[in-house]
Amino acid sequence: MLFLSGQIGLIPGTKDFAGGDDVEAQTQQVMQNMGATLTAGGSSFDKVIKTTVLLADMEDFQKVNAVYGACAG
């Protein structure tokens, strides 16, 4: 069993957010980071049971959901 938490849109090895303030770029980076962590832990997105997404602005929901859906299926 693998638990992940606190994923944010930082580019690995840096202190930089992907895309600056671009929520879609940050979401894409979060999903890439999660995918890499899942793979390193011997898992994958198809085995994920539950996720919780927190947004600073609900106006970003559709953009985040589109990226999330494309990555997580």
PDB file of N, CA and C in Angstrom:
ATOM      1  N   MET A   1       0.850  -1.163   0.000  1.00  0.00           N
ATOM      2  CA  MET A   1       0.000   0.000   0.000  1.00  0.00           C
ATOM      3  C   MET A   1       0.903   1.235   0.000  1.00  0.00           C
ATOM      4  N   LEU A   2       0.498   2.246  -0.751  1.00  0.00           N
ATOM      5  CA  LEU A   2       1.290   3.461  -0.907  1.00  0.00           C
ATOM      6  C   LEU A   2       0.399   4.671  -0.662  1.00  0.00           C
ATOM      7  N   PHE A   3       0.850   5.587   0.174  1.00  0.00           N
ATOM      8  CA  PHE A   3       0.122   6.818   0.461  1.00  0.00           C
ATOM      9  C   PHE A   3       0.952   8.003  -0.011  1.00  0.00           C
ATOM     10  N   LEU A   4       0.345   8.910  -0.750  1.00  0.00           N
ATOM     11  CA  LEU A   4       1.000  10.145  -1.181  1.00  0.00           C
ATOM     12  C   LEU A   4       0.224  11.323  -0.609  1.00  0.00           C
ATOM     13  N   SER A   5       0.937  12.376  -0.245  1.00  0.00           N
ATOM     14  CA  SER A   5       0.241  13.571   0.232  1.00  0.00           C
ATOM     15  C   SER A   5       1.070  14.807  -0.072  1.00  0.00           C
ATOM     16  N   GLY A   6       0.402  15.950  -0.074  1.00  0.00           N
ATOM     17  CA  GLY A   6       1.082  17.224  -0.206  1.00  0.00           C
ATOM     18  C   GLY A   6       1.768  17.457  -1.533  1.00  0.00           C
ATOM     19  N   GLN A   7       1.190  16.973  -2.606  1.00  0.00           N
ATOM     20  CA  GLN A   7       1.787  17.160  -3.923  1.00  0.00           C
ATOM     21  C   GLN A   7       1.489  18.570  -4.440  1.00  0.00           C
ATOM     22  N   ILE A   8       2.535  19.282  -4.850  1.00  0.00           N
ATOM     23  CA  ILE A   8       2.369  20.613  -5.431  1.00  0.00           C
ATOM     24  C   ILE A   8       3.161  20.682  -6.732  1.00  0.00           C
ATOM     25  N   GLY A   9       2.954  21.724  -7.499  1.00  0.00           N
ATOM     26  CA  GLY A   9       3.517  21.828  -8.841  1.00  0.00           C
ATOM     27  C   GLY A   9       4.951  22.292  -8.936  1.00  0.00           C
ATOM     28  N   LEU A  10       5.803  21.842  -8.032  1.00  0.00           N
ATOM     29  CA  LEU A  10       7.226  22.195  -8.108  1.00  0.00           C
ATOM     30  C   LEU A  10       7.934  21.310  -9.113  1.00  0.00           C
ATOM     31  N   ILE A  11       8.865  21.917  -9.832  1.00  0.00           N
ATOM     32  CA  ILE A  11       9.706  21.168 -10.745  1.00  0.00           C
ATOM     33  C   ILE A  11      10.771  20.460  -9.901  1.00  0.00           C
ATOM     34  N   PRO A  12      10.880  19.132 -10.008  1.00  0.00           N
ATOM     35  CA  PRO A  12      11.847  18.396  -9.178  1.00  0.00           C
ATOM     36  C   PRO A  12      13.262  18.965  -9.298  1.00  0.00           C
ATOM     37  N   GLY A  13      13.939  19.054  -8.158  1.00  0.00           N
ATOM     38  CA  GLY A  13      15.302  19.551  -8.123  1.00  0.00           C
ATOM     39  C   GLY A  13      15.416  21.062  -8.100  1.00  0.00           C
ATOM     40  N   THR A  14      14.268  21.740  -8.100  1.00  0.00           N
ATOM     41  CA  THR A  14      14.262  23.207  -8.061  1.00  0.00           C
ATOM     42  C   THR A  14      13.296  23.668  -6.975  1.00  0.00           C
ATOM     43  N   LYS A  15      13.218  24.961  -6.816  1.00  0.00           N
ATOM     44  CA  LYS A  15      12.207  25.553  -5.935  1.00  0.00           C
ATOM     45  C   LYS A  15      11.208  26.348  -6.771  1.00  0.00           C
ATOM     46  N   ASP A  16      11.104  25.993  -8.054  1.00  0.00           N
ATOM     47  CA  ASP A  16      10.272  26.730  -9.001  1.00  0.00           C
ATOM     48  C   ASP A  16       8.969  25.999  -9.283  1.00  0.00           C
ATOM     49  N   PHE A  17       7.875  26.777  -9.291  1.00  0.00           N
ATOM     50  CA  PHE A  17       6.598  26.224  -9.710  1.00  0.00           C
ATOM     51  C   PHE A  17       6.570  26.159 -11.229  1.00  0.00           C
ATOM     52  N   ALA A  18       6.064  25.073 -11.760  1.00  0.00           N
ATOM     53  CA  ALA A  18       5.915  24.937 -13.205  1.00  0.00           C
ATOM     54  C   ALA A  18       4.948  25.993 -13.712  1.00  0.00           C
ATOM     55  N   GLY A  19       5.347  26.728 -14.733  1.00  0.00           N
ATOM     56  CA  GLY A  19       4.444  27.683 -15.365  1.00  0.00           C
ATOM     57  C   GLY A  19       4.132  28.922 -14.551  1.00  0.00           C
ATOM     58  N   GLY A  20       4.863  29.175 -13.491  1.00  0.00           N
ATOM     59  CA  GLY A  20       4.576  30.369 -12.678  1.00  0.00           C
ATOM     60  C   GLY A  20       3.197  30.281 -12.053  1.00  0.00           C
ATOM     61  N   ASP A  21       2.301  31.166 -12.478  1.00  0.00           N
ATOM     62  CA  ASP A  21       0.931  31.190 -11.942  1.00  0.00           C
ATOM     63  C   ASP A  21      -0.059  30.403 -12.802  1.00  0.00           C
ATOM     64  N   ASP A  22       0.418  29.689 -13.806  1.00  0.00           N
ATOM     65  CA  ASP A  22      -0.447  28.938 -14.720  1.00  0.00           C
ATOM     66  C   ASP A  22      -0.933  27.655 -14.046  1.00  0.00           C
ATOM     67  N   VAL A  23      -2.211  27.620 -13.691  1.00  0.00           N
ATOM     68  CA  VAL A  23      -2.762  26.485 -12.943  1.00  0.00           C
ATOM     69  C   VAL A  23      -2.710  25.194 -13.747  1.00  0.00           C
ATOM     70  N   GLU A  24      -2.858  25.279 -15.059  1.00  0.00           N
ATOM     71  CA  GLU A  24      -2.797  24.066 -15.880  1.00  0.00           C
ATOM     72  C   GLU A  24      -1.374  23.492 -15.896  1.00  0.00           C
ATOM     73  N   ALA A  25      -0.376  24.341 -16.015  1.00  0.00           N
ATOM     74  CA  ALA A  25       1.016  23.883 -15.997  1.00  0.00           C
ATOM     75  C   ALA A  25       1.367  23.290 -14.635  1.00  0.00           C
ATOM     76  N   GLN A  26       0.895  23.918 -13.576  1.00  0.00           N
ATOM     77  CA  GLN A  26       1.159  23.397 -12.234  1.00  0.00           C
ATOM     78  C   GLN A  26       0.464  22.053 -12.027  1.00  0.00           C
ATOM     79  N   THR A  27      -0.755  21.934 -12.514  1.00  0.00           N
ATOM     80  CA  THR A  27      -1.488  20.670 -12.385  1.00  0.00           C
ATOM     81  C   THR A  27      -0.784  19.566 -13.167  1.00  0.00           C
ATOM     82  N   GLN A  28      -0.331  19.891 -14.369  1.00  0.00           N
ATOM     83  CA  GLN A  28       0.410  18.911 -15.170  1.00  0.00           C
ATOM     84  C   GLN A  28       1.663  18.456 -14.428  1.00  0.00           C
ATOM     85  N   GLN A  29       2.354  19.395 -13.789  1.00  0.00           N
ATOM     86  CA  GLN A  29       3.564  19.044 -13.041  1.00  0.00           C
ATOM     87  C   GLN A  29       3.233  18.167 -11.837  1.00  0.00           C
ATOM     88  N   VAL A  30       2.143  18.495 -11.149  1.00  0.00           N
ATOM     89  CA  VAL A  30       1.706  17.664 -10.017  1.00  0.00           C
ATOM     90  C   VAL A  30       1.465  16.232 -10.485  1.00  0.00           C
ATOM     91  N   MET A  31       0.780  16.089 -11.601  1.00  0.00           N
ATOM     92  CA  MET A  31       0.471  14.755 -12.096  1.00  0.00           C
ATOM     93  C   MET A  31       1.748  14.017 -12.517  1.00  0.00           C
ATOM     94  N   GLN A  32       2.705  14.717 -13.110  1.00  0.00           N
ATOM     95  CA  GLN A  32       3.986  14.090 -13.462  1.00  0.00           C
ATOM     96  C   GLN A  32       4.729  13.662 -12.200  1.00  0.00           C
ATOM     97  N   ASN A  33       4.732  14.532 -11.196  1.00  0.00           N
ATOM     98  CA  ASN A  33       5.398  14.201  -9.936  1.00  0.00           C
ATOM     99  C   ASN A  33       4.738  12.991  -9.270  1.00  0.00           C
ATOM    100  N   MET A  34       3.408  12.989  -9.268  1.00  0.00           N
ATOM    101  CA  MET A  34       2.688  11.856  -8.672  1.00  0.00           C
ATOM    102  C   MET A  34       2.969  10.569  -9.440  1.00  0.00           C
ATOM    103  N   GLY A  35       2.953  10.654 -10.761  1.00  0.00           N
ATOM    104  CA  GLY A  35       3.232   9.476 -11.578  1.00  0.00           C
ATOM    105  C   GLY A  35       4.616   8.907 -11.292  1.00  0.00           C
ATOM    106  N   ALA A  36       5.604   9.784 -11.171  1.00  0.00           N
ATOM    107  CA  ALA A  36       6.965   9.337 -10.868  1.00  0.00           C
ATOM    108  C   ALA A  36       7.044   8.702  -9.485  1.00  0.00           C
ATOM    109  N   THR A  37       6.350   9.282  -8.523  1.00  0.00           N
ATOM    110  CA  THR A  37       6.351   8.732  -7.164  1.00  0.00           C
ATOM    111  C   THR A  37       5.625   7.393  -7.120  1.00  0.00           C
ATOM    112  N   LEU A  38       4.507   7.302  -7.815  1.00  0.00           N
ATOM    113  CA  LEU A  38       3.777   6.032  -7.881  1.00  0.00           C
ATOM    114  C   LEU A  38       4.657   4.945  -8.505  1.00  0.00           C
ATOM    115  N   THR A  39       5.314   5.278  -9.604  1.00  0.00           N
ATOM    116  CA  THR A  39       6.180   4.317 -10.282  1.00  0.00           C
ATOM    117  C   THR A  39       7.324   3.877  -9.368  1.00  0.00           C
ATOM    118  N   ALA A  40       7.937   4.842  -8.688  1.00  0.00           N
ATOM    119  CA  ALA A  40       9.036   4.513  -7.766  1.00  0.00           C
ATOM    120  C   ALA A  40       8.565   3.607  -6.635  1.00  0.00           C
ATOM    121  N   GLY A  41       7.288   3.733  -6.279  1.00  0.00           N
ATOM    122  CA  GLY A  41       6.723   2.898  -5.220  1.00  0.00           C
ATOM    123  C   GLY A  41       6.115   1.609  -5.732  1.00  0.00           C
ATOM    124  N   GLY A  42       6.301   1.324  -7.022  1.00  0.00           N
ATOM    125  CA  GLY A  42       5.780   0.086  -7.598  1.00  0.00           C
ATOM    126  C   GLY A  42       4.296   0.122  -7.897  1.00  0.00           C
ATOM    127  N   SER A  43       3.766   1.312  -8.118  1.00  0.00           N
ATOM    128  CA  SER A  43       2.337   1.445  -8.379  1.00  0.00           C
ATOM    129  C   SER A  43       2.109   2.289  -9.628  1.00  0.00           C
ATOM    130  N   SER A  44       0.835   2.654  -9.863  1.00  0.00           N
ATOM    131  CA  SER A  44       0.476   3.463 -11.028  1.00  0.00           C
ATOM    132  C   SER A  44      -0.879   4.116 -10.785  1.00  0.00           C
ATOM    133  N   PHE A  45      -1.248   5.042 -11.663  1.00  0.00           N
ATOM    134  CA  PHE A  45      -2.520   5.751 -11.513  1.00  0.00           C
ATOM    135  C   PHE A  45      -3.726   4.802 -11.524  1.00  0.00           C
ATOM    136  N   ASP A  46      -3.640   3.711 -12.254  1.00  0.00           N
ATOM    137  CA  ASP A  46      -4.795   2.805 -12.333  1.00  0.00           C
ATOM    138  C   ASP A  46      -5.056   2.065 -11.024  1.00  0.00           C
ATOM    139  N   LYS A  47      -4.136   2.168 -10.071  1.00  0.00           N
ATOM    140  CA  LYS A  47      -4.337   1.531  -8.771  1.00  0.00           C
ATOM    141  C   LYS A  47      -4.730   2.524  -7.681  1.00  0.00           C
ATOM    142  N   VAL A  48      -4.853   3.805  -8.050  1.00  0.00           N
ATOM    143  CA  VAL A  48      -5.220   4.843  -7.081  1.00  0.00           C
ATOM    144  C   VAL A  48      -6.691   4.688  -6.714  1.00  0.00           C
ATOM    145  N   ILE A  49      -6.970   4.718  -5.423  1.00  0.00           N
ATOM    146  CA  ILE A  49      -8.330   4.545  -4.932  1.00  0.00           C
ATOM    147  C   ILE A  49      -9.012   5.876  -4.675  1.00  0.00           C
ATOM    148  N   LYS A  50      -8.284   6.841  -4.116  1.00  0.00           N
ATOM    149  CA  LYS A  50      -8.906   8.108  -3.741  1.00  0.00           C
ATOM    150  C   LYS A  50      -7.919   9.249  -3.896  1.00  0.00           C
ATOM    151  N   THR A  51      -8.420  10.369  -4.366  1.00  0.00           N
ATOM    152  CA  THR A  51      -7.627  11.597  -4.394  1.00  0.00           C
ATOM    153  C   THR A  51      -8.473  12.738  -3.843  1.00  0.00           C
ATOM    154  N   THR A  52      -7.801  13.720  -3.303  1.00  0.00           N
ATOM    155  CA  THR A  52      -8.444  14.951  -2.862  1.00  0.00           C
ATOM    156  C   THR A  52      -7.663  16.096  -3.473  1.00  0.00           C
ATOM    157  N   VAL A  53      -8.349  16.977  -4.165  1.00  0.00           N
ATOM    158  CA  VAL A  53      -7.718  18.120  -4.803  1.00  0.00           C
ATOM    159  C   VAL A  53      -8.194  19.380  -4.102  1.00  0.00           C
ATOM    160  N   LEU A  54      -7.248  20.196  -3.660  1.00  0.00           N
ATOM    161  CA  LEU A  54      -7.581  21.467  -3.020  1.00  0.00           C
ATOM    162  C   LEU A  54      -7.221  22.598  -3.964  1.00  0.00           C
ATOM    163  N   LEU A  55      -8.161  23.499  -4.175  1.00  0.00           N
ATOM    164  CA  LEU A  55      -7.954  24.641  -5.069  1.00  0.00           C
ATOM    165  C   LEU A  55      -7.998  25.937  -4.286  1.00  0.00           C
ATOM    166  N   ALA A  56      -7.123  26.860  -4.645  1.00  0.00           N
ATOM    167  CA  ALA A  56      -7.150  28.194  -4.037  1.00  0.00           C
ATOM    168  C   ALA A  56      -8.295  29.004  -4.611  1.00  0.00           C
ATOM    169  N   ASP A  57      -8.685  28.690  -5.854  1.00  0.00           N
ATOM    170  CA  ASP A  57      -9.741  29.441  -6.537  1.00  0.00           C
ATOM    171  C   ASP A  57     -10.623  28.464  -7.309  1.00  0.00           C
ATOM    172  N   MET A  58     -11.873  28.366  -6.941  1.00  0.00           N
ATOM    173  CA  MET A  58     -12.794  27.434  -7.612  1.00  0.00           C
ATOM    174  C   MET A  58     -13.000  27.777  -9.093  1.00  0.00           C
ATOM    175  N   GLU A  59     -12.630  28.968  -9.496  1.00  0.00           N
ATOM    176  CA  GLU A  59     -12.700  29.334 -10.920  1.00  0.00           C
ATOM    177  C   GLU A  59     -11.746  28.464 -11.751  1.00  0.00           C
ATOM    178  N   ASP A  60     -10.767  27.861 -11.107  1.00  0.00           N
ATOM    179  CA  ASP A  60      -9.785  27.011 -11.792  1.00  0.00           C
ATOM    180  C   ASP A  60     -10.246  25.562 -11.925  1.00  0.00           C
ATOM    181  N   PHE A  61     -11.411  25.232 -11.403  1.00  0.00           N
ATOM    182  CA  PHE A  61     -11.851  23.833 -11.349  1.00  0.00           C
ATOM    183  C   PHE A  61     -11.830  23.155 -12.711  1.00  0.00           C
ATOM    184  N   GLN A  62     -12.424  23.771 -13.726  1.00  0.00           N
ATOM    185  CA  GLN A  62     -12.509  23.121 -15.033  1.00  0.00           C
ATOM    186  C   GLN A  62     -11.135  22.873 -15.640  1.00  0.00           C
ATOM    187  N   LYS A  63     -10.217  23.830 -15.479  1.00  0.00           N
ATOM    188  CA  LYS A  63      -8.867  23.660 -16.019  1.00  0.00           C
ATOM    189  C   LYS A  63      -8.143  22.522 -15.304  1.00  0.00           C
ATOM    190  N   VAL A  64      -8.212  22.523 -13.990  1.00  0.00           N
ATOM    191  CA  VAL A  64      -7.550  21.474 -13.213  1.00  0.00           C
ATOM    192  C   VAL A  64      -8.173  20.115 -13.512  1.00  0.00           C
ATOM    193  N   ASN A  65      -9.483  20.063 -13.562  1.00  0.00           N
ATOM    194  CA  ASN A  65     -10.177  18.796 -13.814  1.00  0.00           C
ATOM    195  C   ASN A  65      -9.833  18.219 -15.191  1.00  0.00           C
ATOM    196  N   ALA A  66      -9.673  19.080 -16.184  1.00  0.00           N
ATOM    197  CA  ALA A  66      -9.325  18.606 -17.520  1.00  0.00           C
ATOM    198  C   ALA A  66      -7.948  17.959 -17.526  1.00  0.00           C
ATOM    199  N   VAL A  67      -6.971  18.586 -16.889  1.00  0.00           N
ATOM    200  CA  VAL A  67      -5.622  18.013 -16.823  1.00  0.00           C
ATOM    201  C   VAL A  67      -5.637  16.740 -15.988  1.00  0.00           C
ATOM    202  N   TYR A  68      -6.305  16.781 -14.859  1.00  0.00           N
ATOM    203  CA  TYR A  68      -6.400  15.616 -13.972  1.00  0.00           C
ATOM    204  C   TYR A  68      -7.012  14.425 -14.712  1.00  0.00           C
ATOM    205  N   GLY A  69      -8.120  14.672 -15.399  1.00  0.00           N
ATOM    206  CA  GLY A  69      -8.793  13.606 -16.135  1.00  0.00           C
ATOM    207  C   GLY A  69      -7.935  13.002 -17.240  1.00  0.00           C
ATOM    208  N   ALA A  70      -7.182  13.843 -17.917  1.00  0.00           N
ATOM    209  CA  ALA A  70      -6.320  13.352 -18.990  1.00  0.00           C
ATOM    210  C   ALA A  70      -5.182  12.485 -18.446  1.00  0.00           C
ATOM    211  N   CYS A  71      -4.714  12.813 -17.267  1.00  0.00           N
ATOM    212  CA  CYS A  71      -3.585  12.072 -16.675  1.00  0.00           C
ATOM    213  C   CYS A  71      -4.029  10.833 -15.907  1.00  0.00           C
ATOM    214  N   ALA A  72      -5.089  10.975 -15.135  1.00  0.00           N
ATOM    215  CA  ALA A  72      -5.505   9.899 -14.243  1.00  0.00           C
ATOM    216  C   ALA A  72      -6.563   8.994 -14.868  1.00  0.00           C
ATOM    217  N   GLY A  73      -7.122   9.431 -15.950  1.00  0.00           N
ATOM    218  CA  GLY A  73      -8.118   8.594 -16.626  1.00  0.00           C
ATOM    219  C   GLY A  73      -9.427   8.787 -16.057  1.00  0.00           C
TER     220      GLY A  73
END
